[in-house]
Amino acid sequence: MKLSLRLVSVFLLSFMLLLASGKGPVEARTCESVSGKFSGVCLNSANCAKICPTEGFSSGRCSSLRCYCSKSC
């Protein structure tokens, strides 16, 4: 009985330490800016995504009829 009680105690202590040690996965911040090279109304995110790498960004998407480029900060 003592052995199983110790085992349960060690398991619970390990679990509590695991929860207390981290706040979960950390996500990188994303910086977003309106494209300076995209002209016209943005209706197709694929076209926007092609322009954004030429401006130093990794991706792009249409929102509110404008092309927004984004990258990890």
N, C-alpha and C. Protein backbone atom coordinates (compact mmCIF):
# COMPACT_ATOMS: atom_id res chain seq x y z
N MET A 1 0.83 -1.20 0.00
CA MET A 1 0.00 0.00 0.00
C MET A 1 0.87 1.26 0.00
N LYS A 2 1.99 1.24 0.77
CA LYS A 2 2.86 2.42 0.81
C LYS A 2 3.47 2.70 -0.55
N LEU A 3 3.84 1.65 -1.26
CA LEU A 3 4.46 1.84 -2.56
C LEU A 3 3.49 2.50 -3.55
N SER A 4 2.27 2.07 -3.59
CA SER A 4 1.31 2.66 -4.51
C SER A 4 0.96 4.09 -4.11
N LEU A 5 0.92 4.37 -2.83
CA LEU A 5 0.66 5.73 -2.36
C LEU A 5 1.81 6.66 -2.74
N ARG A 6 3.03 6.16 -2.64
CA ARG A 6 4.21 6.95 -3.05
C ARG A 6 4.17 7.20 -4.55
N LEU A 7 3.83 6.17 -5.28
CA LEU A 7 3.77 6.30 -6.74
C LEU A 7 2.74 7.34 -7.16
N VAL A 8 1.58 7.32 -6.55
CA VAL A 8 0.55 8.30 -6.85
C VAL A 8 1.01 9.69 -6.46
N SER A 9 1.68 9.82 -5.32
CA SER A 9 2.18 11.12 -4.87
C SER A 9 3.21 11.67 -5.83
N VAL A 10 4.13 10.83 -6.29
CA VAL A 10 5.16 11.27 -7.24
C VAL A 10 4.51 11.68 -8.56
N PHE A 11 3.55 10.91 -9.01
CA PHE A 11 2.86 11.24 -10.25
C PHE A 11 2.14 12.59 -10.14
N LEU A 12 1.43 12.83 -9.08
CA LEU A 12 0.71 14.09 -8.90
C LEU A 12 1.67 15.27 -8.79
N LEU A 13 2.76 15.08 -8.06
CA LEU A 13 3.75 16.15 -7.92
C LEU A 13 4.37 16.47 -9.29
N SER A 14 4.71 15.45 -10.06
CA SER A 14 5.28 15.66 -11.39
C SER A 14 4.29 16.39 -12.30
N PHE A 15 3.04 16.00 -12.23
CA PHE A 15 2.01 16.63 -13.04
C PHE A 15 1.85 18.10 -12.68
N MET A 16 1.85 18.40 -11.40
CA MET A 16 1.70 19.79 -10.95
C MET A 16 2.91 20.62 -11.37
N LEU A 17 4.10 20.06 -11.29
CA LEU A 17 5.30 20.79 -11.73
C LEU A 17 5.27 21.04 -13.23
N LEU A 18 4.78 20.07 -13.97
CA LEU A 18 4.68 20.24 -15.42
C LEU A 18 3.72 21.38 -15.76
N LEU A 19 2.60 21.45 -15.07
CA LEU A 19 1.64 22.52 -15.32
C LEU A 19 2.17 23.88 -14.90
N ALA A 20 2.91 23.92 -13.81
CA ALA A 20 3.41 25.19 -13.29
C ALA A 20 4.62 25.71 -14.07
N SER A 21 5.34 24.82 -14.74
CA SER A 21 6.59 25.23 -15.39
C SER A 21 6.39 25.93 -16.72
N GLY A 22 5.29 25.71 -17.40
CA GLY A 22 5.10 26.32 -18.71
C GLY A 22 3.70 26.85 -18.89
N LYS A 23 3.62 27.80 -19.80
CA LYS A 23 2.32 28.38 -20.10
C LYS A 23 1.80 27.85 -21.43
N GLY A 24 2.41 26.80 -21.93
CA GLY A 24 1.98 26.21 -23.20
C GLY A 24 2.84 26.72 -24.33
N PRO A 25 2.47 26.38 -25.55
CA PRO A 25 3.27 26.79 -26.70
C PRO A 25 3.24 28.30 -26.89
N VAL A 26 4.37 28.84 -27.28
CA VAL A 26 4.49 30.28 -27.50
C VAL A 26 4.41 30.54 -28.99
N GLU A 27 3.58 31.48 -29.39
CA GLU A 27 3.45 31.83 -30.79
C GLU A 27 4.22 33.12 -31.07
N ALA A 28 4.79 33.17 -32.25
CA ALA A 28 5.50 34.38 -32.66
C ALA A 28 4.49 35.48 -32.97
N ARG A 29 4.89 36.71 -32.70
CA ARG A 29 4.02 37.83 -33.05
C ARG A 29 4.01 38.00 -34.56
N THR A 30 2.92 38.47 -35.08
CA THR A 30 2.79 38.70 -36.51
C THR A 30 2.64 40.20 -36.76
N CYS A 31 3.51 40.71 -37.63
CA CYS A 31 3.42 42.12 -38.03
C CYS A 31 2.69 42.18 -39.37
N GLU A 32 1.81 43.14 -39.49
CA GLU A 32 0.98 43.25 -40.68
C GLU A 32 0.98 44.69 -41.17
N SER A 33 1.01 44.86 -42.48
CA SER A 33 1.03 46.19 -43.07
C SER A 33 0.30 46.18 -44.40
N VAL A 34 -0.29 47.31 -44.75
CA VAL A 34 -0.95 47.44 -46.05
C VAL A 34 0.13 47.44 -47.13
N SER A 35 -0.09 46.69 -48.19
CA SER A 35 0.87 46.60 -49.28
C SER A 35 1.05 47.96 -49.95
N GLY A 36 2.29 48.28 -50.25
CA GLY A 36 2.59 49.52 -50.96
C GLY A 36 2.60 49.33 -52.47
N LYS A 37 2.74 48.08 -52.93
CA LYS A 37 2.84 47.81 -54.36
C LYS A 37 1.54 47.31 -54.98
N PHE A 38 0.63 46.77 -54.19
CA PHE A 38 -0.62 46.23 -54.72
C PHE A 38 -1.52 47.39 -55.12
N SER A 39 -2.00 47.34 -56.36
CA SER A 39 -2.89 48.42 -56.81
C SER A 39 -4.26 47.85 -57.11
N GLY A 40 -5.25 48.66 -56.90
CA GLY A 40 -6.62 48.26 -57.17
C GLY A 40 -7.29 47.66 -55.95
N VAL A 41 -8.47 47.09 -56.21
CA VAL A 41 -9.26 46.49 -55.15
C VAL A 41 -8.78 45.04 -54.96
N CYS A 42 -8.57 44.65 -53.73
CA CYS A 42 -8.08 43.29 -53.43
C CYS A 42 -9.28 42.36 -53.24
N LEU A 43 -9.47 41.49 -54.22
CA LEU A 43 -10.55 40.51 -54.14
C LEU A 43 -10.02 39.08 -54.10
N ASN A 44 -8.77 38.89 -54.51
CA ASN A 44 -8.17 37.57 -54.60
C ASN A 44 -6.90 37.52 -53.74
N SER A 45 -6.94 36.80 -52.64
CA SER A 45 -5.79 36.73 -51.74
C SER A 45 -4.57 36.12 -52.39
N ALA A 46 -4.75 35.29 -53.41
CA ALA A 46 -3.60 34.69 -54.09
C ALA A 46 -2.77 35.76 -54.79
N ASN A 47 -3.42 36.73 -55.41
CA ASN A 47 -2.69 37.83 -56.05
C ASN A 47 -1.95 38.67 -55.00
N CYS A 48 -2.59 38.90 -53.91
CA CYS A 48 -1.97 39.66 -52.82
C CYS A 48 -0.75 38.91 -52.28
N ALA A 49 -0.89 37.59 -52.11
CA ALA A 49 0.20 36.78 -51.58
C ALA A 49 1.40 36.75 -52.51
N LYS A 50 1.20 36.96 -53.81
CA LYS A 50 2.31 37.00 -54.77
C LYS A 50 3.09 38.31 -54.68
N ILE A 51 2.42 39.38 -54.34
CA ILE A 51 3.05 40.71 -54.28
C ILE A 51 3.86 40.88 -52.98
N CYS A 52 3.35 40.37 -51.88
CA CYS A 52 3.95 40.63 -50.57
C CYS A 52 5.39 40.18 -50.42
N PRO A 53 5.82 39.03 -50.97
CA PRO A 53 7.23 38.67 -50.84
C PRO A 53 8.18 39.67 -51.50
N THR A 54 7.71 40.39 -52.50
CA THR A 54 8.55 41.41 -53.14
C THR A 54 8.75 42.63 -52.23
N GLU A 55 7.94 42.71 -51.18
CA GLU A 55 8.05 43.81 -50.22
C GLU A 55 8.72 43.36 -48.92
N GLY A 56 9.22 42.12 -48.89
CA GLY A 56 9.91 41.62 -47.69
C GLY A 56 9.00 40.92 -46.69
N PHE A 57 7.81 40.59 -47.09
CA PHE A 57 6.87 39.90 -46.21
C PHE A 57 6.76 38.44 -46.63
N SER A 58 6.25 37.61 -45.74
CA SER A 58 6.15 36.18 -46.04
C SER A 58 4.80 35.77 -46.62
N SER A 59 3.76 36.54 -46.35
CA SER A 59 2.44 36.18 -46.87
C SER A 59 1.57 37.42 -47.01
N GLY A 60 0.42 37.23 -47.65
CA GLY A 60 -0.51 38.34 -47.82
C GLY A 60 -1.93 37.83 -47.92
N ARG A 61 -2.87 38.70 -47.61
CA ARG A 61 -4.29 38.33 -47.69
C ARG A 61 -5.11 39.59 -47.93
N CYS A 62 -6.28 39.39 -48.50
CA CYS A 62 -7.22 40.49 -48.72
C CYS A 62 -8.11 40.66 -47.50
N SER A 63 -8.31 41.90 -47.12
CA SER A 63 -9.22 42.23 -46.04
C SER A 63 -9.73 43.65 -46.27
N SER A 64 -11.02 43.82 -46.22
CA SER A 64 -11.64 45.14 -46.44
C SER A 64 -11.22 45.73 -47.79
N LEU A 65 -11.10 44.85 -48.80
CA LEU A 65 -10.76 45.24 -50.17
C LEU A 65 -9.34 45.79 -50.31
N ARG A 66 -8.50 45.57 -49.31
CA ARG A 66 -7.10 46.01 -49.35
C ARG A 66 -6.20 44.80 -49.16
N CYS A 67 -4.99 44.88 -49.68
CA CYS A 67 -4.01 43.81 -49.55
C CYS A 67 -3.15 44.07 -48.32
N TYR A 68 -3.16 43.13 -47.38
CA TYR A 68 -2.37 43.23 -46.17
C TYR A 68 -1.26 42.18 -46.20
N CYS A 69 -0.03 42.62 -46.05
CA CYS A 69 1.13 41.73 -46.03
C CYS A 69 1.49 41.46 -44.57
N SER A 70 1.99 40.24 -44.31
CA SER A 70 2.34 39.89 -42.93
C SER A 70 3.63 39.08 -42.89
N LYS A 71 4.29 39.14 -41.72
CA LYS A 71 5.50 38.36 -41.46
C LYS A 71 5.66 38.23 -39.95
N SER A 72 6.47 37.29 -39.53
CA SER A 72 6.76 37.14 -38.09
C SER A 72 7.66 38.27 -37.65
N CYS A 73 7.39 38.85 -36.51
CA CYS A 73 8.20 39.96 -35.99
C CYS A 73 9.38 39.45 -35.21
